[in-house]
């Protein structure tokens, strides 16, 4: 009886393999063709700036420090909310298709920020500026439309006045 059970199990395994792997599967030409089809893929271009997939947790520590120094230089004396909004402008630009792709490149873009031109970007950041950057990184949807900011009392560029102001915080106007 034990031999009969072993025989039936062996036949079942063999018959099952024929239904699982039909004979044409083992044909070399068919295997090559199926492998080629499996390996063929469509090139899908993804514009990272259009997908909101950038995870701010992966911003380099050096970029966080640079951003905090910019916040310090641009928003010293402004309320905490204004400091967060300045950081948001930079982060929003990183995500926007018209601006560079990194915090560093956005900050050092030609004529983008006065502290880069006058050297005040090299001064240390306050604890409040560091905290404002951290807040902006955590709550990235708070000021997601801000792309520009300026002080209406001191701005000299006529172009900046053409931007639509969406919020005023302290002495700064934040615009799109």
Protein backbone atom coordinates (compact mmCIF):
# COMPACT_ATOMS: atom_id res chain seq x y z
CA UNK A 1 0.00 0.00 0.00
CA UNK A 2 2.86 2.36 0.84
CA UNK A 3 4.34 1.79 -2.64
CA UNK A 4 0.98 2.59 -4.26
CA UNK A 5 0.74 5.94 -2.41
CA UNK A 6 4.31 6.80 -3.44
CA UNK A 7 3.54 5.87 -7.07
CA UNK A 8 0.34 7.99 -7.16
CA UNK A 9 2.18 10.96 -5.58
CA UNK A 10 5.00 10.67 -8.14
CA UNK A 11 2.53 10.52 -11.06
CA UNK A 12 0.64 13.53 -9.66
CA UNK A 13 3.83 15.54 -9.42
CA UNK A 14 4.86 14.64 -12.96
CA UNK A 15 1.42 15.37 -14.42
CA UNK A 16 1.23 18.62 -12.47
CA UNK A 17 4.54 19.75 -13.89
CA UNK A 18 3.24 19.26 -17.43
CA UNK A 19 0.27 21.48 -16.77
CA UNK A 20 2.43 24.05 -14.94
CA UNK A 21 5.18 24.05 -17.56
CA UNK A 22 3.82 23.32 -21.01
CA UNK A 23 6.25 21.89 -23.54
CA UNK A 24 6.56 25.15 -25.51
CA UNK A 25 7.89 26.81 -22.35
CA UNK A 26 11.08 24.83 -22.72
CA UNK A 27 11.59 25.76 -26.36
CA UNK A 28 14.77 27.89 -26.38
CA UNK A 29 13.41 30.42 -28.89
CA UNK A 30 10.22 30.92 -26.90
CA UNK A 31 12.16 31.27 -23.65
CA UNK A 32 14.42 33.93 -25.21
CA UNK A 33 11.43 35.81 -26.59
CA UNK A 34 9.57 35.69 -23.26
CA UNK A 35 12.70 36.80 -21.41
CA UNK A 36 13.06 39.72 -23.79
CA UNK A 37 9.42 40.67 -23.27
CA UNK A 38 9.89 40.45 -19.53
CA UNK A 39 12.95 42.66 -19.65
CA UNK A 40 11.38 45.20 -21.98
CA UNK A 41 10.14 48.22 -20.12
CA UNK A 42 8.69 51.56 -20.96
CA UNK A 43 10.68 54.61 -20.13
CA UNK A 44 8.55 56.73 -17.87
CA UNK A 45 9.79 60.23 -17.26
CA UNK A 46 8.87 61.58 -13.88
CA UNK A 47 9.31 65.26 -13.19
CA UNK A 48 10.26 65.26 -9.52
CA UNK A 49 9.21 68.87 -9.21
CA UNK A 50 5.70 68.05 -10.42
CA UNK A 51 5.34 65.17 -8.01
CA UNK A 52 5.40 66.26 -4.43
CA UNK A 53 7.58 63.32 -3.54
CA UNK A 54 10.52 65.25 -2.18
CA UNK A 55 10.85 64.28 1.45
CA UNK A 56 12.38 67.12 3.42
CA UNK A 57 13.78 64.69 5.97
CA UNK A 58 16.46 63.92 3.40
CA UNK A 59 17.79 67.46 3.14
CA UNK A 60 21.44 67.39 4.07
CA UNK A 61 22.44 68.79 7.45
CA UNK A 62 24.71 71.33 5.74
CA UNK A 63 21.72 72.62 3.76
CA UNK A 64 19.66 72.96 6.94
CA UNK A 65 22.43 75.02 8.48
CA UNK A 66 22.72 77.16 5.35
CA UNK A 67 18.96 77.71 5.30
CA UNK A 68 19.01 78.68 8.99
CA UNK A 69 21.76 81.24 8.28
CA UNK A 70 19.67 82.68 5.44
CA UNK A 71 16.62 82.86 7.70
CA UNK A 72 18.73 84.61 10.33
CA UNK A 73 20.05 87.15 7.82
CA UNK A 74 16.74 87.77 6.04
CA UNK A 75 14.32 87.68 8.96
CA UNK A 76 16.24 88.86 12.00
CA UNK A 77 13.81 90.88 14.10
CA UNK A 78 10.78 89.34 12.37
CA UNK A 79 8.25 87.20 14.27
CA UNK A 80 8.81 83.45 14.39
CA UNK A 81 6.00 82.94 11.85
CA UNK A 82 7.88 85.21 9.44
CA UNK A 83 11.09 83.23 9.90
CA UNK A 84 9.24 80.00 9.10
CA UNK A 85 7.72 81.64 6.03
CA UNK A 86 11.18 82.71 4.76
CA UNK A 87 12.35 79.10 5.09
CA UNK A 88 9.18 77.99 3.30
CA UNK A 89 9.97 80.27 0.35
CA UNK A 90 13.29 78.47 -0.18
CA UNK A 91 11.76 75.00 0.24
CA UNK A 92 8.92 75.88 -2.15
CA UNK A 93 11.41 77.06 -4.73
CA UNK A 94 13.23 73.72 -4.53
CA UNK A 95 9.93 72.07 -5.47
CA UNK A 96 9.00 74.59 -8.18
CA UNK A 97 10.01 73.90 -11.78
CA UNK A 98 11.32 77.44 -12.39
CA UNK A 99 13.97 77.23 -9.66
CA UNK A 100 17.03 75.06 -8.91
CA UNK A 101 16.61 71.64 -7.33
CA UNK A 102 18.53 71.98 -4.07
CA UNK A 103 18.41 74.32 -1.09
CA UNK A 104 22.00 75.37 -1.72
CA UNK A 105 21.39 76.11 -5.40
CA UNK A 106 18.23 78.10 -4.63
CA UNK A 107 20.01 80.19 -2.00
CA UNK A 108 23.03 80.86 -4.20
CA UNK A 109 21.03 81.53 -7.36
CA UNK A 110 22.29 84.81 -8.83
CA UNK A 111 20.65 87.87 -7.24
CA UNK A 112 18.10 85.74 -5.36
CA UNK A 113 18.93 86.78 -1.80
CA UNK A 114 20.69 89.92 -0.57
CA UNK A 115 22.52 88.17 2.31
CA UNK A 116 24.45 86.15 -0.27
CA UNK A 117 25.51 89.37 -1.99
CA UNK A 118 26.45 91.26 1.17
CA UNK A 119 28.03 88.31 3.02
CA UNK A 120 25.64 88.21 5.97
CA UNK A 121 24.75 84.62 4.97
CA UNK A 122 28.07 83.67 6.63
CA UNK A 123 26.99 84.84 10.09
CA UNK A 124 25.84 82.16 12.55
CA UNK A 125 22.15 81.36 12.86
CA UNK A 126 20.23 81.95 16.06
CA UNK A 127 18.45 79.10 17.82
CA UNK A 128 15.17 80.65 16.71
CA UNK A 129 16.26 80.57 13.04
CA UNK A 130 17.26 76.90 13.39
CA UNK A 131 13.89 76.13 15.00
CA UNK A 132 12.08 78.01 12.21
CA UNK A 133 13.80 75.82 9.61
CA UNK A 134 12.83 72.67 11.52
CA UNK A 135 9.24 73.89 11.75
CA UNK A 136 9.16 74.61 8.01
CA UNK A 137 10.50 71.12 7.28
CA UNK A 138 7.87 69.46 9.46
CA UNK A 139 4.85 71.55 8.43
CA UNK A 140 5.60 71.86 4.73
CA UNK A 141 2.02 72.59 3.69
CA UNK A 142 1.55 75.69 5.86
CA UNK A 143 2.89 78.24 3.36
CA UNK A 144 3.17 76.07 0.29
CA UNK A 145 2.30 78.82 -2.20
CA UNK A 146 5.00 81.32 -1.15
CA UNK A 147 7.73 81.77 -3.76
CA UNK A 148 8.89 85.32 -3.00
CA UNK A 149 9.14 87.68 -0.06
CA UNK A 150 10.24 91.26 0.32
CA UNK A 151 10.03 94.25 2.59
CA UNK A 152 7.80 96.81 0.83
CA UNK A 153 9.55 99.64 2.72
CA UNK A 154 13.04 98.77 1.46
CA UNK A 155 12.54 96.87 -1.83
CA UNK A 156 13.93 98.65 -4.88
CA UNK A 157 13.04 96.20 -7.65
CA UNK A 158 9.91 97.21 -9.53
CA UNK A 159 9.52 93.60 -10.67
CA UNK A 160 8.91 92.31 -7.14
CA UNK A 161 5.99 94.71 -6.75
CA UNK A 162 4.31 92.99 -9.71
CA UNK A 163 4.02 89.72 -7.76
CA UNK A 164 0.69 88.90 -6.12
CA UNK A 165 1.00 89.28 -2.35
CA UNK A 166 -0.84 86.50 -0.53
CA UNK A 167 0.17 87.27 3.04
CA UNK A 168 1.96 89.85 5.14
CA UNK A 169 3.92 88.77 8.19
CA UNK A 170 5.83 91.37 10.17
CA UNK A 171 7.66 93.63 7.73
CA UNK A 172 7.62 91.11 4.87
CA UNK A 173 5.15 90.59 2.07
CA UNK A 174 4.97 87.00 0.81
CA UNK A 175 4.01 86.54 -2.81
CA UNK A 176 3.46 84.08 -5.61
